Amino acid sequence: MNLRYQVAGPGTGDQPGTATPGHQALPAIEVTNLSKNFGPIQAVRQVSFQVPAGSIFGLLGPNGSGKSTTIRMLCGLMRPSSGSGQVLGLDIITQAEAIKASIGYMSQKFNLYEDLTVAENLHFFGSIYGLCSTALTRRCRELYEHMRLGGREKQRVGTLSGGWKQRVALACAFIHRPRLLVLDEPTAGVDPVSRRLFWDLLEGLAAEGITILVTTHYMDEAERCHLIALMDRGRLHAFGPPARLMAAAGLPTLEDVFINMAGTEGD
C-alpha cells in the first residue's frame, strides 16, 4: 500500500481545522526526505509530509515503525541523518532550541508530580516557561475552566483517576500557549468515557487554531484526526484524511487499513 494525498489547507472542506489568522499559509509541520540512521539501522526512511496549522494530525504505526524517532526529530531532540524539516516555521536542525520552547509536549508516561496538587503542578510548569506570577495565576484560572478542572485545584494529583490526570497533564503542556501540542499516546490506559472527553478537548483546541500531533493505538481516536500518517519499518506508507485512506484501500475501517499495511508491507 502506498496511499498519499495532497491535502488542502484549513477551511477548504478537506481539512476541518481552522488556523490562527496570520498563520494559514505556513504549514505547522513540514518535512522533506527526513531520515535517521543508527549505524546500519534505518529508523526513518525519507519521510515527507505537510501538516496545516489547526490540524489534528495522527502519527500511527506499529511499535518500531519509526514514530518516536520522527517525533524526536520534529521536537528538536534528535538531529536527522539527512533531509530537512520545519516546525512552526523553525528549522529542526538549526533552531532546535527555539522549537523546544515553542511547543507543548505530553509524554506517554505520566510525568507530573503526584505529591503536588493540581494548582502546584500548573504553577511549577508555568514557572519553567517563564510566566510571571500575575500572568500565571490568570492562566491557571483559564485552564481550570478550559480543561474542566474546576474544583480539583487543591487535590493532590496522585489521588486523581487516570482521566483526570491526563487532563492535568494536557493543561501543563498547554500552559505557555504553544501553537503546537505533541501528545504521545495520551489516553493509554484511560477509560472510554475519559478518552472521549479528552478528545473533545483536543477538537476544541484545534478549532482555536492549535495544531496537535498525536500518536495512538486506538483506531476510533485516529478516525477523529483531520490527517493521519501511517508508518511502518521507517517508511511513510499512507497520508491523508482517514475517510479517504479507507476509501482508497477499499476497506471499511481504519483498523483494517492499519492491519493491512502492517501485515503486508515488506522491507
C-alpha atoms as a PDB file:
ATOM      1  CA  MET A   1       0.000   0.000   0.000  1.00  0.00           C
ATOM      2  CA  ASN A   2       1.208   3.489  -0.822  1.00  0.00           C
ATOM      3  CA  LEU A   3      -1.602   5.983  -0.287  1.00  0.00           C
ATOM      4  CA  ARG A   4      -0.594   9.632  -0.382  1.00  0.00           C
ATOM      5  CA  TYR A   5      -2.579  12.764  -0.930  1.00  0.00           C
ATOM      6  CA  GLN A   6      -2.088  16.473  -1.385  1.00  0.00           C
ATOM      7  CA  VAL A   7      -4.174  17.935   1.389  1.00  0.00           C
ATOM      8  CA  ALA A   8      -5.736  21.354   1.067  1.00  0.00           C
ATOM      9  CA  GLY A   9      -5.335  23.917   3.775  1.00  0.00           C
ATOM     10  CA  PRO A  10      -7.800  24.758   6.563  1.00  0.00           C
ATOM     11  CA  GLY A  11     -11.203  25.957   5.518  1.00  0.00           C
ATOM     12  CA  THR A  12     -11.301  24.120   2.172  1.00  0.00           C
ATOM     13  CA  GLY A  13     -13.538  21.272   3.237  1.00  0.00           C
ATOM     14  CA  ASP A  14     -10.822  18.594   3.161  1.00  0.00           C
ATOM     15  CA  GLN A  15      -9.326  19.994   6.340  1.00  0.00           C
ATOM     16  CA  PRO A  16     -11.701  20.750   9.253  1.00  0.00           C
ATOM     17  CA  GLY A  17      -9.123  22.594  11.354  1.00  0.00           C
ATOM     18  CA  THR A  18      -9.063  26.392  11.374  1.00  0.00           C
ATOM     19  CA  ALA A  19      -5.641  28.003  11.624  1.00  0.00           C
ATOM     20  CA  THR A  20      -4.926  31.096  13.648  1.00  0.00           C
ATOM     21  CA  PRO A  21      -5.185  34.195  11.417  1.00  0.00           C
ATOM     22  CA  GLY A  22      -1.775  35.104  10.050  1.00  0.00           C
ATOM     23  CA  HIS A  23      -0.505  31.511  10.119  1.00  0.00           C
ATOM     24  CA  GLN A  24      -2.765  29.904   7.499  1.00  0.00           C
ATOM     25  CA  ALA A  25      -0.238  29.990   4.658  1.00  0.00           C
ATOM     26  CA  LEU A  26       2.547  28.440   6.726  1.00  0.00           C
ATOM     27  CA  PRO A  27       2.369  24.696   7.489  1.00  0.00           C
ATOM     28  CA  ALA A  28       2.711  23.907  11.165  1.00  0.00           C
ATOM     29  CA  ILE A  29       4.917  20.934  10.255  1.00  0.00           C
ATOM     30  CA  GLU A  30       6.773  20.337   7.004  1.00  0.00           C
ATOM     31  CA  VAL A  31       9.374  17.635   6.417  1.00  0.00           C
ATOM     32  CA  THR A  32      11.160  16.607   3.237  1.00  0.00           C
ATOM     33  CA  ASN A  33      13.028  13.313   2.826  1.00  0.00           C
ATOM     34  CA  LEU A  34      13.575  13.125   6.574  1.00  0.00           C
ATOM     35  CA  SER A  35      15.795  10.183   7.538  1.00  0.00           C
ATOM     36  CA  LYS A  36      17.503   8.881  10.652  1.00  0.00           C
ATOM     37  CA  ASN A  37      20.077   6.106  10.789  1.00  0.00           C
ATOM     38  CA  PHE A  38      21.525   4.373  13.833  1.00  0.00           C
ATOM     39  CA  GLY A  39      24.565   2.740  12.320  1.00  0.00           C
ATOM     40  CA  PRO A  40      23.247   0.245   9.739  1.00  0.00           C
ATOM     41  CA  ILE A  41      19.671   0.555  11.031  1.00  0.00           C
ATOM     42  CA  GLN A  42      17.404   2.910   9.075  1.00  0.00           C
ATOM     43  CA  ALA A  43      14.883   4.016  11.699  1.00  0.00           C
ATOM     44  CA  VAL A  44      13.236   6.653   9.455  1.00  0.00           C
ATOM     45  CA  ARG A  45      13.499   6.472   5.669  1.00  0.00           C
ATOM     46  CA  GLN A  46      12.966   9.622   3.578  1.00  0.00           C
ATOM     47  CA  VAL A  47       9.666  10.704   5.117  1.00  0.00           C
ATOM     48  CA  SER A  48       7.930  13.741   3.587  1.00  0.00           C
ATOM     49  CA  PHE A  49       4.626  15.405   4.563  1.00  0.00           C
ATOM     50  CA  GLN A  50       2.987  18.735   5.411  1.00  0.00           C
ATOM     51  CA  VAL A  51       0.527  19.452   8.218  1.00  0.00           C
ATOM     52  CA  PRO A  52      -1.574  22.644   8.008  1.00  0.00           C
ATOM     53  CA  ALA A  53      -1.980  24.774  11.118  1.00  0.00           C
ATOM     54  CA  GLY A  54      -5.042  23.979  13.187  1.00  0.00           C
ATOM     55  CA  SER A  55      -4.995  20.267  12.291  1.00  0.00           C
ATOM     56  CA  ILE A  56      -5.215  17.214  14.491  1.00  0.00           C
ATOM     57  CA  PHE A  57      -2.526  15.031  12.948  1.00  0.00           C
ATOM     58  CA  GLY A  58      -2.316  11.369  13.910  1.00  0.00           C
ATOM     59  CA  LEU A  59       1.045   9.638  13.507  1.00  0.00           C
ATOM     60  CA  LEU A  60       0.265   5.923  13.522  1.00  0.00           C
ATOM     61  CA  GLY A  61       2.221   2.718  13.180  1.00  0.00           C
ATOM     62  CA  PRO A  62       3.157  -0.480  14.973  1.00  0.00           C
ATOM     63  CA  ASN A  63       5.873  -0.485  17.611  1.00  0.00           C
ATOM     64  CA  GLY A  64       9.262   0.043  15.966  1.00  0.00           C
ATOM     65  CA  SER A  65       7.769   1.798  12.937  1.00  0.00           C
ATOM     66  CA  GLY A  66       9.792   4.999  13.429  1.00  0.00           C
ATOM     67  CA  LYS A  67       7.103   7.157  15.040  1.00  0.00           C
ATOM     68  CA  SER A  68       9.064   8.051  18.168  1.00  0.00           C
ATOM     69  CA  THR A  69      12.229   8.818  16.210  1.00  0.00           C
ATOM     70  CA  THR A  70      10.263  11.073  13.872  1.00  0.00           C
ATOM     71  CA  ILE A  71       8.725  12.909  16.822  1.00  0.00           C
ATOM     72  CA  ARG A  72      12.115  13.406  18.472  1.00  0.00           C
ATOM     73  CA  MET A  73      13.446  14.990  15.295  1.00  0.00           C
ATOM     74  CA  LEU A  74      10.401  17.255  14.997  1.00  0.00           C
ATOM     75  CA  CYS A  75      10.772  18.345  18.637  1.00  0.00           C
ATOM     76  CA  GLY A  76      14.424  19.281  18.164  1.00  0.00           C
ATOM     77  CA  LEU A  77      15.621  16.446  20.400  1.00  0.00           C
ATOM     78  CA  MET A  78      17.421  14.490  17.702  1.00  0.00           C
ATOM     79  CA  ARG A  79      19.330  15.605  14.623  1.00  0.00           C
ATOM     80  CA  PRO A  80      18.277  13.879  11.379  1.00  0.00           C
ATOM     81  CA  SER A  81      20.825  11.948   9.331  1.00  0.00           C
ATOM     82  CA  SER A  82      19.507  13.609   6.178  1.00  0.00           C
ATOM     83  CA  GLY A  83      16.569  15.573   4.893  1.00  0.00           C
ATOM     84  CA  SER A  84      15.030  18.758   6.249  1.00  0.00           C
ATOM     85  CA  GLY A  85      12.090  19.974   8.256  1.00  0.00           C
ATOM     86  CA  GLN A  86      10.384  22.971   9.788  1.00  0.00           C
ATOM     87  CA  VAL A  87       8.126  23.158  12.814  1.00  0.00           C
ATOM     88  CA  LEU A  88       6.161  26.398  13.295  1.00  0.00           C
ATOM     89  CA  GLY A  89       8.478  27.939  10.705  1.00  0.00           C
ATOM     90  CA  LEU A  90      11.595  26.944  12.677  1.00  0.00           C
ATOM     91  CA  ASP A  91      14.303  24.730  11.214  1.00  0.00           C
ATOM     92  CA  ILE A  92      14.610  21.409  13.067  1.00  0.00           C
ATOM     93  CA  ILE A  93      18.402  21.400  12.675  1.00  0.00           C
ATOM     94  CA  THR A  94      19.487  25.000  13.209  1.00  0.00           C
ATOM     95  CA  GLN A  95      16.666  26.195  15.509  1.00  0.00           C
ATOM     96  CA  ALA A  96      16.103  23.145  17.687  1.00  0.00           C
ATOM     97  CA  GLU A  97      16.204  25.093  20.966  1.00  0.00           C
ATOM     98  CA  ALA A  98      13.583  27.549  19.735  1.00  0.00           C
ATOM     99  CA  ILE A  99      11.330  24.642  18.767  1.00  0.00           C
ATOM    100  CA  LYS A 100      11.598  23.135  22.248  1.00  0.00           C
ATOM    101  CA  ALA A 101      10.425  26.429  23.770  1.00  0.00           C
ATOM    102  CA  SER A 102       7.584  26.836  21.273  1.00  0.00           C
ATOM    103  CA  ILE A 103       5.767  23.520  21.602  1.00  0.00           C
ATOM    104  CA  GLY A 104       3.905  21.700  24.339  1.00  0.00           C
ATOM    105  CA  TYR A 105       4.774  18.057  24.953  1.00  0.00           C
ATOM    106  CA  MET A 106       2.855  15.368  26.798  1.00  0.00           C
ATOM    107  CA  SER A 107       4.591  12.021  27.080  1.00  0.00           C
ATOM    108  CA  GLN A 108       3.034   8.573  27.221  1.00  0.00           C
ATOM    109  CA  LYS A 109       4.470   8.072  30.692  1.00  0.00           C
ATOM    110  CA  PHE A 110       2.742  10.229  33.289  1.00  0.00           C
ATOM    111  CA  ASN A 111       5.250  12.932  34.159  1.00  0.00           C
ATOM    112  CA  LEU A 112       3.563  15.187  36.721  1.00  0.00           C
ATOM    113  CA  TYR A 113       4.405  15.408  40.422  1.00  0.00           C
ATOM    114  CA  GLU A 114       1.887  13.208  42.188  1.00  0.00           C
ATOM    115  CA  ASP A 115       2.641  14.589  45.655  1.00  0.00           C
ATOM    116  CA  LEU A 116       1.740  18.116  44.490  1.00  0.00           C
ATOM    117  CA  THR A 117      -1.754  19.487  43.959  1.00  0.00           C
ATOM    118  CA  VAL A 118      -3.215  20.313  40.556  1.00  0.00           C
ATOM    119  CA  ALA A 119      -2.570  24.012  41.184  1.00  0.00           C
ATOM    120  CA  GLU A 120       1.004  23.401  42.338  1.00  0.00           C
ATOM    121  CA  ASN A 121       1.780  21.358  39.214  1.00  0.00           C
ATOM    122  CA  LEU A 122       0.405  24.076  36.944  1.00  0.00           C
ATOM    123  CA  HIS A 123       2.369  26.783  38.756  1.00  0.00           C
ATOM    124  CA  PHE A 124       5.550  24.717  38.617  1.00  0.00           C
ATOM    125  CA  PHE A 125       5.354  24.120  34.871  1.00  0.00           C
ATOM    126  CA  GLY A 126       4.283  27.695  34.248  1.00  0.00           C
ATOM    127  CA  SER A 127       7.325  28.989  36.114  1.00  0.00           C
ATOM    128  CA  ILE A 128       9.587  26.772  33.973  1.00  0.00           C
ATOM    129  CA  TYR A 129       8.240  28.549  30.904  1.00  0.00           C
ATOM    130  CA  GLY A 130       8.886  31.933  32.489  1.00  0.00           C
ATOM    131  CA  LEU A 131       5.346  33.098  33.244  1.00  0.00           C
ATOM    132  CA  CYS A 132       5.295  35.839  35.865  1.00  0.00           C
ATOM    133  CA  SER A 133       3.166  35.418  38.983  1.00  0.00           C
ATOM    134  CA  THR A 134       0.245  37.561  37.852  1.00  0.00           C
ATOM    135  CA  ALA A 135       0.120  36.062  34.357  1.00  0.00           C
ATOM    136  CA  LEU A 136       0.463  32.555  35.753  1.00  0.00           C
ATOM    137  CA  THR A 137      -2.429  32.996  38.195  1.00  0.00           C
ATOM    138  CA  ARG A 138      -4.635  34.299  35.373  1.00  0.00           C
ATOM    139  CA  ARG A 139      -3.558  31.499  33.049  1.00  0.00           C
ATOM    140  CA  CYS A 140      -4.318  28.829  35.663  1.00  0.00           C
ATOM    141  CA  ARG A 141      -7.849  30.194  36.067  1.00  0.00           C
ATOM    142  CA  GLU A 142      -8.311  29.954  32.309  1.00  0.00           C
ATOM    143  CA  LEU A 143      -7.089  26.375  32.227  1.00  0.00           C
ATOM    144  CA  TYR A 144      -9.266  25.243  35.136  1.00  0.00           C
ATOM    145  CA  GLU A 145     -12.250  26.221  33.011  1.00  0.00           C
ATOM    146  CA  HIS A 146     -10.815  25.196  29.639  1.00  0.00           C
ATOM    147  CA  MET A 147      -9.758  21.704  30.756  1.00  0.00           C
ATOM    148  CA  ARG A 148     -12.759  21.245  33.071  1.00  0.00           C
ATOM    149  CA  LEU A 149     -10.612  21.027  36.178  1.00  0.00           C
ATOM    150  CA  GLY A 150     -12.721  23.255  38.391  1.00  0.00           C
ATOM    151  CA  GLY A 151     -12.989  22.045  41.977  1.00  0.00           C
ATOM    152  CA  ARG A 152      -9.821  19.932  41.756  1.00  0.00           C
ATOM    153  CA  GLU A 153      -7.277  22.730  42.196  1.00  0.00           C
ATOM    154  CA  LYS A 154      -6.267  21.690  45.722  1.00  0.00           C
ATOM    155  CA  GLN A 155      -6.383  17.933  45.158  1.00  0.00           C
ATOM    156  CA  ARG A 156      -3.114  16.023  45.043  1.00  0.00           C
ATOM    157  CA  VAL A 157      -2.504  14.656  41.581  1.00  0.00           C
ATOM    158  CA  GLY A 158      -1.644  11.204  42.923  1.00  0.00           C
ATOM    159  CA  THR A 159      -5.225  10.788  44.152  1.00  0.00           C
ATOM    160  CA  LEU A 160      -6.813  11.544  40.770  1.00  0.00           C
ATOM    161  CA  SER A 161      -8.122   8.941  38.331  1.00  0.00           C
ATOM    162  CA  GLY A 162      -6.308   8.342  35.049  1.00  0.00           C
ATOM    163  CA  GLY A 163      -8.668  10.542  33.054  1.00  0.00           C
ATOM    164  CA  TRP A 164      -8.287  13.480  35.432  1.00  0.00           C
ATOM    165  CA  LYS A 165      -4.513  13.076  35.468  1.00  0.00           C
ATOM    166  CA  GLN A 166      -4.386  13.248  31.673  1.00  0.00           C
ATOM    167  CA  ARG A 167      -6.370  16.480  31.683  1.00  0.00           C
ATOM    168  CA  VAL A 168      -3.957  17.983  34.209  1.00  0.00           C
ATOM    169  CA  ALA A 169      -1.022  16.850  32.053  1.00  0.00           C
ATOM    170  CA  LEU A 170      -2.637  18.454  28.992  1.00  0.00           C
ATOM    171  CA  ALA A 171      -3.148  21.697  30.926  1.00  0.00           C
ATOM    172  CA  CYS A 172       0.522  21.708  31.966  1.00  0.00           C
ATOM    173  CA  ALA A 173       1.632  21.117  28.367  1.00  0.00           C
ATOM    174  CA  PHE A 174      -0.580  23.976  27.189  1.00  0.00           C
ATOM    175  CA  ILE A 175       0.145  26.460  29.965  1.00  0.00           C
ATOM    176  CA  HIS A 176       2.520  28.620  27.881  1.00  0.00           C
ATOM    177  CA  ARG A 177       0.064  28.804  24.946  1.00  0.00           C
ATOM    178  CA  PRO A 178       2.099  26.812  22.396  1.00  0.00           C
ATOM    179  CA  ARG A 179       0.792  26.695  18.830  1.00  0.00           C
ATOM    180  CA  LEU A 180       1.726  23.010  18.568  1.00  0.00           C
ATOM    181  CA  LEU A 181       0.967  20.236  21.047  1.00  0.00           C
ATOM    182  CA  VAL A 182       2.786  16.903  20.732  1.00  0.00           C
ATOM    183  CA  LEU A 183       0.941  14.120  22.554  1.00  0.00           C
ATOM    184  CA  ASP A 184       2.468  10.646  22.760  1.00  0.00           C
ATOM    185  CA  GLU A 185      -0.305   8.096  23.381  1.00  0.00           C
ATOM    186  CA  PRO A 186      -2.037  10.490  25.786  1.00  0.00           C
ATOM    187  CA  THR A 187      -5.016   8.221  26.565  1.00  0.00           C
ATOM    188  CA  ALA A 188      -3.237   4.883  27.009  1.00  0.00           C
ATOM    189  CA  GLY A 189      -4.956   3.007  29.818  1.00  0.00           C
ATOM    190  CA  VAL A 190      -7.743   5.582  30.222  1.00  0.00           C
ATOM    191  CA  ASP A 191     -11.406   4.510  30.301  1.00  0.00           C
ATOM    192  CA  PRO A 192     -13.605   5.146  27.210  1.00  0.00           C
ATOM    193  CA  VAL A 193     -15.624   7.976  28.778  1.00  0.00           C
ATOM    194  CA  SER A 194     -12.471   9.861  29.793  1.00  0.00           C
ATOM    195  CA  ARG A 195     -10.936   9.241  26.368  1.00  0.00           C
ATOM    196  CA  ARG A 196     -13.967  10.764  24.671  1.00  0.00           C
ATOM    197  CA  LEU A 197     -13.855  13.831  26.926  1.00  0.00           C
ATOM    198  CA  PHE A 198     -10.125  14.217  26.294  1.00  0.00           C
ATOM    199  CA  TRP A 199     -10.665  14.162  22.538  1.00  0.00           C
ATOM    200  CA  ASP A 200     -13.488  16.673  22.842  1.00  0.00           C
ATOM    201  CA  LEU A 201     -10.917  18.967  24.459  1.00  0.00           C
ATOM    202  CA  LEU A 202      -8.447  18.354  21.628  1.00  0.00           C
ATOM    203  CA  GLU A 203     -11.040  19.190  19.000  1.00  0.00           C
ATOM    204  CA  GLY A 204     -11.811  22.412  20.849  1.00  0.00           C
ATOM    205  CA  LEU A 205      -8.130  23.376  20.837  1.00  0.00           C
ATOM    206  CA  ALA A 206      -7.829  22.623  17.115  1.00  0.00           C
ATOM    207  CA  ALA A 207     -10.859  24.818  16.435  1.00  0.00           C
ATOM    208  CA  GLU A 208      -8.913  27.650  18.081  1.00  0.00           C
ATOM    209  CA  GLY A 209      -6.010  27.155  15.644  1.00  0.00           C
ATOM    210  CA  ILE A 210      -3.775  24.907  17.773  1.00  0.00           C
ATOM    211  CA  THR A 211      -2.035  22.161  15.816  1.00  0.00           C
ATOM    212  CA  ILE A 212      -1.979  18.774  17.541  1.00  0.00           C
ATOM    213  CA  LEU A 213       0.345  15.884  16.721  1.00  0.00           C
ATOM    214  CA  VAL A 214      -0.862  12.749  18.465  1.00  0.00           C
ATOM    215  CA  THR A 215       0.140   9.088  18.479  1.00  0.00           C
ATOM    216  CA  THR A 216      -2.422   6.470  19.420  1.00  0.00           C
ATOM    217  CA  HIS A 217      -3.146   2.775  19.044  1.00  0.00           C
ATOM    218  CA  TYR A 218      -6.894   3.379  19.354  1.00  0.00           C
ATOM    219  CA  MET A 219      -8.341   3.473  15.841  1.00  0.00           C
ATOM    220  CA  ASP A 220     -11.557   5.168  16.971  1.00  0.00           C
ATOM    221  CA  GLU A 221      -9.354   8.061  18.116  1.00  0.00           C
ATOM    222  CA  ALA A 222      -7.375   8.022  14.880  1.00  0.00           C
ATOM    223  CA  GLU A 223     -10.596   8.409  12.910  1.00  0.00           C
ATOM    224  CA  ARG A 224     -11.192  11.725  14.720  1.00  0.00           C
ATOM    225  CA  CYS A 225      -7.931  13.141  13.322  1.00  0.00           C
ATOM    226  CA  HIS A 226      -8.088  15.523  10.372  1.00  0.00           C
ATOM    227  CA  LEU A 227      -4.993  13.891   8.865  1.00  0.00           C
ATOM    228  CA  ILE A 228      -3.136  10.687   9.578  1.00  0.00           C
ATOM    229  CA  ALA A 229       0.216   9.264   8.555  1.00  0.00           C
ATOM    230  CA  LEU A 230       0.718   5.509   8.627  1.00  0.00           C
ATOM    231  CA  MET A 231       4.328   4.450   9.198  1.00  0.00           C
ATOM    232  CA  ASP A 232       5.895   1.023   9.094  1.00  0.00           C
ATOM    233  CA  ARG A 233       9.570  -0.003   9.104  1.00  0.00           C
ATOM    234  CA  GLY A 234      10.604   3.638   8.981  1.00  0.00           C
ATOM    235  CA  ARG A 235       8.638   4.465   5.851  1.00  0.00           C
ATOM    236  CA  LEU A 236       5.565   6.611   5.343  1.00  0.00           C
ATOM    237  CA  HIS A 237       3.069   4.319   3.631  1.00  0.00           C
ATOM    238  CA  ALA A 238      -0.101   6.397   3.718  1.00  0.00           C
ATOM    239  CA  PHE A 239      -1.003  10.033   4.362  1.00  0.00           C
ATOM    240  CA  GLY A 240      -4.307  11.880   4.224  1.00  0.00           C
ATOM    241  CA  PRO A 241      -7.745  12.221   5.838  1.00  0.00           C
ATOM    242  CA  PRO A 242      -8.902   8.916   7.383  1.00  0.00           C
ATOM    243  CA  ALA A 243     -12.025   8.606   5.228  1.00  0.00           C
ATOM    244  CA  ARG A 244     -10.029   8.986   2.026  1.00  0.00           C
ATOM    245  CA  LEU A 245      -7.464   6.391   3.090  1.00  0.00           C
ATOM    246  CA  MET A 246     -10.243   3.910   3.849  1.00  0.00           C
ATOM    247  CA  ALA A 247     -11.931   4.624   0.521  1.00  0.00           C
ATOM    248  CA  ALA A 248      -8.686   4.297  -1.433  1.00  0.00           C
ATOM    249  CA  ALA A 249      -7.877   0.964   0.217  1.00  0.00           C
ATOM    250  CA  GLY A 250     -11.436  -0.294  -0.259  1.00  0.00           C
ATOM    251  CA  LEU A 251     -11.639  -1.183   3.432  1.00  0.00           C
ATOM    252  CA  PRO A 252     -14.458  -0.342   5.867  1.00  0.00           C
ATOM    253  CA  THR A 253     -12.426   0.792   8.882  1.00  0.00           C
ATOM    254  CA  LEU A 254      -9.141   2.489   9.604  1.00  0.00           C
ATOM    255  CA  GLU A 255      -8.187  -0.513  11.720  1.00  0.00           C
ATOM    256  CA  ASP A 256      -8.452  -2.666   8.584  1.00  0.00           C
ATOM    257  CA  VAL A 257      -6.196  -0.249   6.703  1.00  0.00           C
ATOM    258  CA  PHE A 258      -3.694  -0.294   9.563  1.00  0.00           C
ATOM    259  CA  ILE A 259      -3.623  -4.091   9.840  1.00  0.00           C
ATOM    260  CA  ASN A 260      -3.389  -4.496   6.080  1.00  0.00           C
ATOM    261  CA  MET A 261      -0.384  -2.172   5.961  1.00  0.00           C
ATOM    262  CA  ALA A 262       1.427  -3.759   8.896  1.00  0.00           C
ATOM    263  CA  GLY A 263       0.694  -7.276   7.685  1.00  0.00           C
ATOM    264  CA  THR A 264       1.612  -6.982   4.023  1.00  0.00           C
ATOM    265  CA  GLU A 265       4.355  -4.388   3.645  1.00  0.00           C
ATOM    266  CA  GLY A 266       7.852  -5.820   3.210  1.00  0.00           C
ATOM    267  CA  ASP A 267      11.268  -4.248   3.563  1.00  0.00           C
END
